[in-house]
PDB file of N, CA and C in Angstrom:
ATOM      1  N   MET A   1     -18.005   9.517  10.699  1.00  0.00           N
ATOM      2  CA  MET A   1     -16.940   8.993  11.548  1.00  0.00           C
ATOM      3  C   MET A   1     -17.409   8.814  12.981  1.00  0.00           C
ATOM      4  N   MET A   2     -18.612   9.245  13.286  1.00  0.00           N
ATOM      5  CA  MET A   2     -19.108   9.111  14.650  1.00  0.00           C
ATOM      6  C   MET A   2     -19.949   7.843  14.816  1.00  0.00           C
ATOM      7  N   ASN A   3     -19.715   6.850  13.975  1.00  0.00           N
ATOM      8  CA  ASN A   3     -20.380   5.573  14.115  1.00  0.00           C
ATOM      9  C   ASN A   3     -19.597   4.722  15.124  1.00  0.00           C
ATOM     10  N   GLY A   4     -20.283   4.203  16.117  1.00  0.00           N
ATOM     11  CA  GLY A   4     -19.616   3.441  17.164  1.00  0.00           C
ATOM     12  C   GLY A   4     -18.962   2.172  16.672  1.00  0.00           C
ATOM     13  N   TRP A   5     -19.535   1.553  15.642  1.00  0.00           N
ATOM     14  CA  TRP A   5     -18.961   0.311  15.123  1.00  0.00           C
ATOM     15  C   TRP A   5     -17.608   0.541  14.462  1.00  0.00           C
ATOM     16  N   ILE A   6     -17.434   1.697  13.851  1.00  0.00           N
ATOM     17  CA  ILE A   6     -16.133   2.015  13.257  1.00  0.00           C
ATOM     18  C   ILE A   6     -15.086   2.159  14.355  1.00  0.00           C
ATOM     19  N   TRP A   7     -15.453   2.811  15.435  1.00  0.00           N
ATOM     20  CA  TRP A   7     -14.524   2.973  16.556  1.00  0.00           C
ATOM     21  C   TRP A   7     -14.155   1.620  17.154  1.00  0.00           C
ATOM     22  N   ILE A   8     -15.121   0.732  17.289  1.00  0.00           N
ATOM     23  CA  ILE A   8     -14.839  -0.593  17.852  1.00  0.00           C
ATOM     24  C   ILE A   8     -13.943  -1.397  16.911  1.00  0.00           C
ATOM     25  N   ALA A   9     -14.170  -1.298  15.603  1.00  0.00           N
ATOM     26  CA  ALA A   9     -13.317  -1.995  14.635  1.00  0.00           C
ATOM     27  C   ALA A   9     -11.882  -1.476  14.693  1.00  0.00           C
ATOM     28  N   VAL A  10     -11.719  -0.160  14.837  1.00  0.00           N
ATOM     29  CA  VAL A  10     -10.378   0.417  14.962  1.00  0.00           C
ATOM     30  C   VAL A  10      -9.728  -0.039  16.266  1.00  0.00           C
ATOM     31  N   GLY A  11     -10.526  -0.136  17.332  1.00  0.00           N
ATOM     32  CA  GLY A  11      -9.999  -0.636  18.605  1.00  0.00           C
ATOM     33  C   GLY A  11      -9.517  -2.075  18.496  1.00  0.00           C
ATOM     34  N   LEU A  12     -10.246  -2.913  17.779  1.00  0.00           N
ATOM     35  CA  LEU A  12      -9.809  -4.294  17.572  1.00  0.00           C
ATOM     36  C   LEU A  12      -8.543  -4.354  16.717  1.00  0.00           C
ATOM     37  N   ALA A  13      -8.438  -3.473  15.725  1.00  0.00           N
ATOM     38  CA  ALA A  13      -7.223  -3.424  14.909  1.00  0.00           C
ATOM     39  C   ALA A  13      -6.022  -2.989  15.743  1.00  0.00           C
ATOM     40  N   LEU A  14      -6.221  -2.039  16.646  1.00  0.00           N
ATOM     41  CA  LEU A  14      -5.122  -1.616  17.528  1.00  0.00           C
ATOM     42  C   LEU A  14      -4.737  -2.727  18.502  1.00  0.00           C
ATOM     43  N   ALA A  15      -5.712  -3.490  18.964  1.00  0.00           N
ATOM     44  CA  ALA A  15      -5.403  -4.619  19.848  1.00  0.00           C
ATOM     45  C   ALA A  15      -4.604  -5.680  19.104  1.00  0.00           C
ATOM     46  N   ALA A  16      -4.918  -5.906  17.832  1.00  0.00           N
ATOM     47  CA  ALA A  16      -4.145  -6.852  17.030  1.00  0.00           C
ATOM     48  C   ALA A  16      -2.740  -6.327  16.780  1.00  0.00           C
ATOM     49  N   LEU A  17      -2.612  -5.019  16.607  1.00  0.00           N
ATOM     50  CA  LEU A  17      -1.301  -4.419  16.412  1.00  0.00           C
ATOM     51  C   LEU A  17      -0.439  -4.552  17.671  1.00  0.00           C
ATOM     52  N   GLU A  18      -1.068  -4.574  18.825  1.00  0.00           N
ATOM     53  CA  GLU A  18      -0.335  -4.754  20.083  1.00  0.00           C
ATOM     54  C   GLU A  18       0.340  -6.122  20.124  1.00  0.00           C
ATOM     55  N   LEU A  19      -0.267  -7.115  19.487  1.00  0.00           N
ATOM     56  CA  LEU A  19       0.350  -8.446  19.442  1.00  0.00           C
ATOM     57  C   LEU A  19       1.648  -8.434  18.635  1.00  0.00           C
ATOM     58  N   ALA A  20       1.691  -7.620  17.583  1.00  0.00           N
ATOM     59  CA  ALA A  20       2.879  -7.562  16.743  1.00  0.00           C
ATOM     60  C   ALA A  20       3.955  -6.648  17.337  1.00  0.00           C
ATOM     61  N   LEU A  21       3.534  -5.554  17.954  1.00  0.00           N
ATOM     62  CA  LEU A  21       4.469  -4.567  18.520  1.00  0.00           C
ATOM     63  C   LEU A  21       4.111  -4.297  19.979  1.00  0.00           C
ATOM     64  N   PRO A  22       4.508  -5.182  20.894  1.00  0.00           N
ATOM     65  CA  PRO A  22       4.116  -4.988  22.295  1.00  0.00           C
ATOM     66  C   PRO A  22       4.804  -3.779  22.911  1.00  0.00           C
ATOM     67  N   GLY A  23       4.092  -3.138  23.824  1.00  0.00           N
ATOM     68  CA  GLY A  23       4.644  -1.986  24.511  1.00  0.00           C
ATOM     69  C   GLY A  23       3.595  -1.257  25.319  1.00  0.00           C
ATOM     70  N   TRP A  24       2.439  -1.800  25.435  1.00  0.00           N
ATOM     71  CA  TRP A  24       1.308  -1.289  26.203  1.00  0.00           C
ATOM     72  C   TRP A  24       0.631  -0.075  25.580  1.00  0.00           C
ATOM     73  N   PHE A  25       1.277   0.607  24.624  1.00  0.00           N
ATOM     74  CA  PHE A  25       0.639   1.799  24.057  1.00  0.00           C
ATOM     75  C   PHE A  25      -0.560   1.430  23.187  1.00  0.00           C
ATOM     76  N   PHE A  26      -0.369   0.459  22.306  1.00  0.00           N
ATOM     77  CA  PHE A  26      -1.464   0.089  21.413  1.00  0.00           C
ATOM     78  C   PHE A  26      -2.621  -0.533  22.184  1.00  0.00           C
ATOM     79  N   LEU A  27      -2.323  -1.245  23.269  1.00  0.00           N
ATOM     80  CA  LEU A  27      -3.396  -1.813  24.079  1.00  0.00           C
ATOM     81  C   LEU A  27      -4.156  -0.708  24.802  1.00  0.00           C
ATOM     82  N   GLY A  28      -3.455   0.288  25.297  1.00  0.00           N
ATOM     83  CA  GLY A  28      -4.117   1.426  25.921  1.00  0.00           C
ATOM     84  C   GLY A  28      -4.989   2.176  24.929  1.00  0.00           C
ATOM     85  N   ALA A  29      -4.470   2.362  23.716  1.00  0.00           N
ATOM     86  CA  ALA A  29      -5.251   3.033  22.683  1.00  0.00           C
ATOM     87  C   ALA A  29      -6.449   2.184  22.282  1.00  0.00           C
ATOM     88  N   ALA A  30      -6.277   0.868  22.198  1.00  0.00           N
ATOM     89  CA  ALA A  30      -7.380  -0.017  21.829  1.00  0.00           C
ATOM     90  C   ALA A  30      -8.493   0.032  22.867  1.00  0.00           C
ATOM     91  N   ILE A  31      -8.137   0.048  24.130  1.00  0.00           N
ATOM     92  CA  ILE A  31      -9.144   0.106  25.189  1.00  0.00           C
ATOM     93  C   ILE A  31      -9.864   1.452  25.150  1.00  0.00           C
ATOM     94  N   ALA A  32      -9.116   2.537  24.966  1.00  0.00           N
ATOM     95  CA  ALA A  32      -9.720   3.875  24.928  1.00  0.00           C
ATOM     96  C   ALA A  32     -10.651   4.020  23.726  1.00  0.00           C
ATOM     97  N   VAL A  33     -10.222   3.556  22.559  1.00  0.00           N
ATOM     98  CA  VAL A  33     -11.055   3.649  21.363  1.00  0.00           C
ATOM     99  C   VAL A  33     -12.279   2.754  21.503  1.00  0.00           C
ATOM    100  N   GLY A  34     -12.101   1.576  22.091  1.00  0.00           N
ATOM    101  CA  GLY A  34     -13.244   0.694  22.323  1.00  0.00           C
ATOM    102  C   GLY A  34     -14.259   1.301  23.285  1.00  0.00           C
ATOM    103  N   LEU A  35     -13.767   1.946  24.332  1.00  0.00           N
ATOM    104  CA  LEU A  35     -14.683   2.613  25.265  1.00  0.00           C
ATOM    105  C   LEU A  35     -15.439   3.754  24.595  1.00  0.00           C
ATOM    106  N   MET A  36     -14.745   4.496  23.739  1.00  0.00           N
ATOM    107  CA  MET A  36     -15.429   5.573  23.017  1.00  0.00           C
ATOM    108  C   MET A  36     -16.457   4.997  22.054  1.00  0.00           C
ATOM    109  N   GLY A  37     -16.132   3.885  21.411  1.00  0.00           N
ATOM    110  CA  GLY A  37     -17.098   3.234  20.527  1.00  0.00           C
ATOM    111  C   GLY A  37     -18.327   2.765  21.274  1.00  0.00           C
ATOM    112  N   LEU A  38     -18.124   2.207  22.462  1.00  0.00           N
ATOM    113  CA  LEU A  38     -19.271   1.785  23.277  1.00  0.00           C
ATOM    114  C   LEU A  38     -20.098   2.985  23.729  1.00  0.00           C
ATOM    115  N   ALA A  39     -19.423   4.068  24.081  1.00  0.00           N
ATOM    116  CA  ALA A  39     -20.156   5.280  24.483  1.00  0.00           C
ATOM    117  C   ALA A  39     -20.983   5.825  23.326  1.00  0.00           C
ATOM    118  N   LEU A  40     -20.457   5.726  22.113  1.00  0.00           N
ATOM    119  CA  LEU A  40     -21.209   6.173  20.944  1.00  0.00           C
ATOM    120  C   LEU A  40     -22.400   5.266  20.663  1.00  0.00           C
ATOM    121  N   LEU A  41     -22.191   3.962  20.804  1.00  0.00           N
ATOM    122  CA  LEU A  41     -23.281   3.023  20.535  1.00  0.00           C
ATOM    123  C   LEU A  41     -24.414   3.158  21.538  1.00  0.00           C
ATOM    124  N   VAL A  42     -24.066   3.335  22.799  1.00  0.00           N
ATOM    125  CA  VAL A  42     -25.076   3.434  23.850  1.00  0.00           C
ATOM    126  C   VAL A  42     -25.760   4.799  23.812  1.00  0.00           C
ATOM    127  N   GLY A  43     -25.073   5.790  23.302  1.00  0.00           N
ATOM    128  CA  GLY A  43     -25.635   7.132  23.232  1.00  0.00           C
ATOM    129  C   GLY A  43     -25.182   8.042  24.350  1.00  0.00           C
ATOM    130  N   LEU A  44     -24.117   7.654  25.060  1.00  0.00           N
ATOM    131  CA  LEU A  44     -23.590   8.482  26.145  1.00  0.00           C
ATOM    132  C   LEU A  44     -22.784   9.660  25.617  1.00  0.00           C
ATOM    133  N   TRP A  45     -22.218   9.528  24.419  1.00  0.00           N
ATOM    134  CA  TRP A  45     -21.391  10.591  23.851  1.00  0.00           C
ATOM    135  C   TRP A  45     -22.201  11.373  22.830  1.00  0.00           C
ATOM    136  N   THR A  46     -22.332  12.665  23.065  1.00  0.00           N
ATOM    137  CA  THR A  46     -23.061  13.522  22.128  1.00  0.00           C
ATOM    138  C   THR A  46     -22.174  14.615  21.561  1.00  0.00           C
ATOM    139  N   GLY A  47     -20.912  14.666  21.975  1.00  0.00           N
ATOM    140  CA  GLY A  47     -19.986  15.679  21.475  1.00  0.00           C
ATOM    141  C   GLY A  47     -19.569  15.377  20.047  1.00  0.00           C
ATOM    142  N   GLY A  48     -18.846  16.276  19.460  1.00  0.00           N
ATOM    143  CA  GLY A  48     -18.392  16.110  18.090  1.00  0.00           C
ATOM    144  C   GLY A  48     -17.118  15.295  17.992  1.00  0.00           C
ATOM    145  N   LEU A  49     -16.649  15.127  16.760  1.00  0.00           N
ATOM    146  CA  LEU A  49     -15.455  14.338  16.491  1.00  0.00           C
ATOM    147  C   LEU A  49     -14.189  14.935  17.113  1.00  0.00           C
ATOM    148  N   PRO A  50     -13.933  16.246  17.018  1.00  0.00           N
ATOM    149  CA  PRO A  50     -12.694  16.768  17.619  1.00  0.00           C
ATOM    150  C   PRO A  50     -12.610  16.523  19.123  1.00  0.00           C
ATOM    151  N   LEU A  51     -13.711  16.715  19.820  1.00  0.00           N
ATOM    152  CA  LEU A  51     -13.707  16.483  21.263  1.00  0.00           C
ATOM    153  C   LEU A  51     -13.576  14.991  21.573  1.00  0.00           C
ATOM    154  N   ALA A  52     -14.163  14.146  20.738  1.00  0.00           N
ATOM    155  CA  ALA A  52     -14.030  12.702  20.923  1.00  0.00           C
ATOM    156  C   ALA A  52     -12.580  12.264  20.762  1.00  0.00           C
ATOM    157  N   LEU A  53     -11.868  12.862  19.824  1.00  0.00           N
ATOM    158  CA  LEU A  53     -10.457  12.526  19.637  1.00  0.00           C
ATOM    159  C   LEU A  53      -9.610  12.985  20.818  1.00  0.00           C
ATOM    160  N   VAL A  54      -9.920  14.148  21.371  1.00  0.00           N
ATOM    161  CA  VAL A  54      -9.179  14.649  22.532  1.00  0.00           C
ATOM    162  C   VAL A  54      -9.428  13.749  23.743  1.00  0.00           C
ATOM    163  N   VAL A  55     -10.685  13.399  23.980  1.00  0.00           N
ATOM    164  CA  VAL A  55     -11.013  12.530  25.116  1.00  0.00           C
ATOM    165  C   VAL A  55     -10.369  11.160  24.939  1.00  0.00           C
ATOM    166  N   THR A  56     -10.358  10.644  23.723  1.00  0.00           N
ATOM    167  CA  THR A  56      -9.719   9.351  23.463  1.00  0.00           C
ATOM    168  C   THR A  56      -8.216   9.431  23.703  1.00  0.00           C
ATOM    169  N   ALA A  57      -7.583  10.527  23.329  1.00  0.00           N
ATOM    170  CA  ALA A  57      -6.142  10.686  23.566  1.00  0.00           C
ATOM    171  C   ALA A  57      -5.834  10.752  25.057  1.00  0.00           C
ATOM    172  N   VAL A  58      -6.644  11.467  25.806  1.00  0.00           N
ATOM    173  CA  VAL A  58      -6.435  11.555  27.254  1.00  0.00           C
ATOM    174  C   VAL A  58      -6.664  10.195  27.898  1.00  0.00           C
ATOM    175  N   LEU A  59      -7.703   9.488  27.466  1.00  0.00           N
ATOM    176  CA  LEU A  59      -7.961   8.142  27.990  1.00  0.00           C
ATOM    177  C   LEU A  59      -6.820   7.189  27.654  1.00  0.00           C
ATOM    178  N   THR A  60      -6.257   7.317  26.455  1.00  0.00           N
ATOM    179  CA  THR A  60      -5.133   6.470  26.064  1.00  0.00           C
ATOM    180  C   THR A  60      -3.957   6.660  27.012  1.00  0.00           C
ATOM    181  N   GLY A  61      -3.635   7.893  27.312  1.00  0.00           N
ATOM    182  CA  GLY A  61      -2.532   8.157  28.239  1.00  0.00           C
ATOM    183  C   GLY A  61      -2.800   7.644  29.638  1.00  0.00           C
ATOM    184  N   ALA A  62      -4.020   7.840  30.124  1.00  0.00           N
ATOM    185  CA  ALA A  62      -4.360   7.373  31.467  1.00  0.00           C
ATOM    186  C   ALA A  62      -4.345   5.846  31.541  1.00  0.00           C
ATOM    187  N   ILE A  63      -4.865   5.191  30.526  1.00  0.00           N
ATOM    188  CA  ILE A  63      -4.876   3.723  30.517  1.00  0.00           C
ATOM    189  C   ILE A  63      -3.464   3.192  30.366  1.00  0.00           C
ATOM    190  N   TRP A  64      -2.637   3.844  29.552  1.00  0.00           N
ATOM    191  CA  TRP A  64      -1.249   3.409  29.408  1.00  0.00           C
ATOM    192  C   TRP A  64      -0.505   3.503  30.730  1.00  0.00           C
ATOM    193  N   LEU A  65      -0.691   4.610  31.447  1.00  0.00           N
ATOM    194  CA  LEU A  65      -0.046   4.755  32.755  1.00  0.00           C
ATOM    195  C   LEU A  65      -0.535   3.697  33.736  1.00  0.00           C
ATOM    196  N   ALA A  66      -1.833   3.401  33.714  1.00  0.00           N
ATOM    197  CA  ALA A  66      -2.376   2.375  34.603  1.00  0.00           C
ATOM    198  C   ALA A  66      -1.813   1.001  34.263  1.00  0.00           C
ATOM    199  N   LEU A  67      -1.697   0.688  32.983  1.00  0.00           N
ATOM    200  CA  LEU A  67      -1.138  -0.608  32.586  1.00  0.00           C
ATOM    201  C   LEU A  67       0.325  -0.727  32.986  1.00  0.00           C
ATOM    202  N   ARG A  68       1.083   0.361  32.833  1.00  0.00           N
ATOM    203  CA  ARG A  68       2.490   0.325  33.237  1.00  0.00           C
ATOM    204  C   ARG A  68       2.631   0.166  34.748  1.00  0.00           C
ATOM    205  N   ARG A  69       1.735   0.786  35.498  1.00  0.00           N
ATOM    206  CA  ARG A  69       1.801   0.672  36.956  1.00  0.00           C
ATOM    207  C   ARG A  69       1.397  -0.731  37.402  1.00  0.00           C
ATOM    208  N   ILE A  70       0.386  -1.305  36.768  1.00  0.00           N
ATOM    209  CA  ILE A  70      -0.108  -2.623  37.164  1.00  0.00           C
ATOM    210  C   ILE A  70       0.872  -3.724  36.768  1.00  0.00           C
ATOM    211  N   PHE A  71       1.334  -3.706  35.518  1.00  0.00           N
ATOM    212  CA  PHE A  71       2.153  -4.805  35.012  1.00  0.00           C
ATOM    213  C   PHE A  71       3.640  -4.524  35.060  1.00  0.00           C
ATOM    214  N   GLY A  72       4.041  -3.296  35.304  1.00  0.00           N
ATOM    215  CA  GLY A  72       5.461  -2.971  35.446  1.00  0.00           C
ATOM    216  C   GLY A  72       6.196  -2.970  34.128  1.00  0.00           C
ATOM    217  N   THR A  73       7.510  -2.962  34.233  1.00  0.00           N
ATOM    218  CA  THR A  73       8.357  -2.950  33.043  1.00  0.00           C
ATOM    219  C   THR A  73       8.651  -4.366  32.600  1.00  0.00           C
ATOM    220  N   SER A  74       9.053  -4.500  31.365  1.00  0.00           N
ATOM    221  CA  SER A  74       9.393  -5.825  30.862  1.00  0.00           C
ATOM    222  C   SER A  74      10.816  -6.184  31.273  1.00  0.00           C
ATOM    223  N   ARG A  75      11.167  -7.433  31.105  1.00  0.00           N
ATOM    224  CA  ARG A  75      12.483  -7.901  31.541  1.00  0.00           C
ATOM    225  C   ARG A  75      13.620  -7.333  30.690  1.00  0.00           C
ATOM    226  N   GLY A  76      13.328  -6.956  29.464  1.00  0.00           N
ATOM    227  CA  GLY A  76      14.370  -6.474  28.577  1.00  0.00           C
ATOM    228  C   GLY A  76      14.739  -5.019  28.788  1.00  0.00           C
ATOM    229  N   GLU A  77      14.003  -4.307  29.616  1.00  0.00           N
ATOM    230  CA  GLU A  77      14.283  -2.896  29.819  1.00  0.00           C
ATOM    231  C   GLU A  77      15.409  -2.705  30.836  1.00  0.00           C
ATOM    232  N   VAL A  78      16.158  -1.638  30.636  1.00  0.00           N
ATOM    233  CA  VAL A  78      17.276  -1.317  31.518  1.00  0.00           C
ATOM    234  C   VAL A  78      16.730  -0.680  32.788  1.00  0.00           C
ATOM    235  N   ARG A  79      17.250  -1.135  33.910  1.00  0.00           N
ATOM    236  CA  ARG A  79      16.839  -0.568  35.194  1.00  0.00           C
ATOM    237  C   ARG A  79      17.945   0.349  35.696  1.00  0.00           C
ATOM    238  N   ARG A  80      17.577   1.532  36.127  1.00  0.00           N
ATOM    239  CA  ARG A  80      18.545   2.495  36.644  1.00  0.00           C
ATOM    240  C   ARG A  80      18.620   2.380  38.157  1.00  0.00           C
ATOM    241  N   TRP A  81      19.831   2.311  38.640  1.00  0.00           N
ATOM    242  CA  TRP A  81      20.049   2.282  40.079  1.00  0.00           C
ATOM    243  C   TRP A  81      20.420   3.681  40.523  1.00  0.00           C
ATOM    244  N   THR A  82      19.700   4.208  41.471  1.00  0.00           N
ATOM    245  CA  THR A  82      19.984   5.554  41.965  1.00  0.00           C
ATOM    246  C   THR A  82      20.738   5.530  43.285  1.00  0.00           C
ATOM    247  N   ARG A  83      20.830   4.365  43.899  1.00  0.00           N
ATOM    248  CA  ARG A  83      21.490   4.246  45.193  1.00  0.00           C
ATOM    249  C   ARG A  83      22.402   3.034  45.157  1.00  0.00           C
ATOM    250  N   ASP A  84      23.624   3.202  45.670  1.00  0.00           N
ATOM    251  CA  ASP A  84      24.553   2.100  45.743  1.00  0.00           C
ATOM    252  C   ASP A  84      24.418   1.412  47.088  1.00  0.00           C
ATOM    253  N   ILE A  85      24.563   0.104  47.109  1.00  0.00           N
ATOM    254  CA  ILE A  85      24.433  -0.656  48.343  1.00  0.00           C
ATOM    255  C   ILE A  85      25.547  -0.305  49.345  1.00  0.00           C
ATOM    256  N   ASN A  86      26.685   0.183  48.825  1.00  0.00           N
ATOM    257  CA  ASN A  86      27.808   0.501  49.707  1.00  0.00           C
ATOM    258  C   ASN A  86      27.743   1.918  50.264  1.00  0.00           C
ATOM    259  N   ASP A  87      26.811   2.738  49.806  1.00  0.00           N
ATOM    260  CA  ASP A  87      26.687   4.098  50.321  1.00  0.00           C
ATOM    261  C   ASP A  87      25.995   4.072  51.667  1.00  0.00           C
ATOM    262  N   ASN A  88      26.555   4.843  52.624  1.00  0.00           N
ATOM    263  CA  ASN A  88      25.934   4.939  53.943  1.00  0.00           C
ATOM    264  C   ASN A  88      25.587   6.348  54.251  1.00  0.00           C
TER     265      ASN A  88
END
């Protein structure tokens, strides 16, 4: 399971899944898995599978937060107002 090509193939599958179910999570996971696959191919990652899964999960969360900050919320999401324009 520590073959980099398998990780890259899974990353491409997650990117395709993002097209069907948009929400930035699958794209974040695809980028994180792809980066781990590249690290395995280049030889930068020498840790085992459990640590690779933990690092990929942390990267997924960080990339998801970055994507949400960069691209914002979608138009269909409800926006909460915390301040009224008439309050002084």
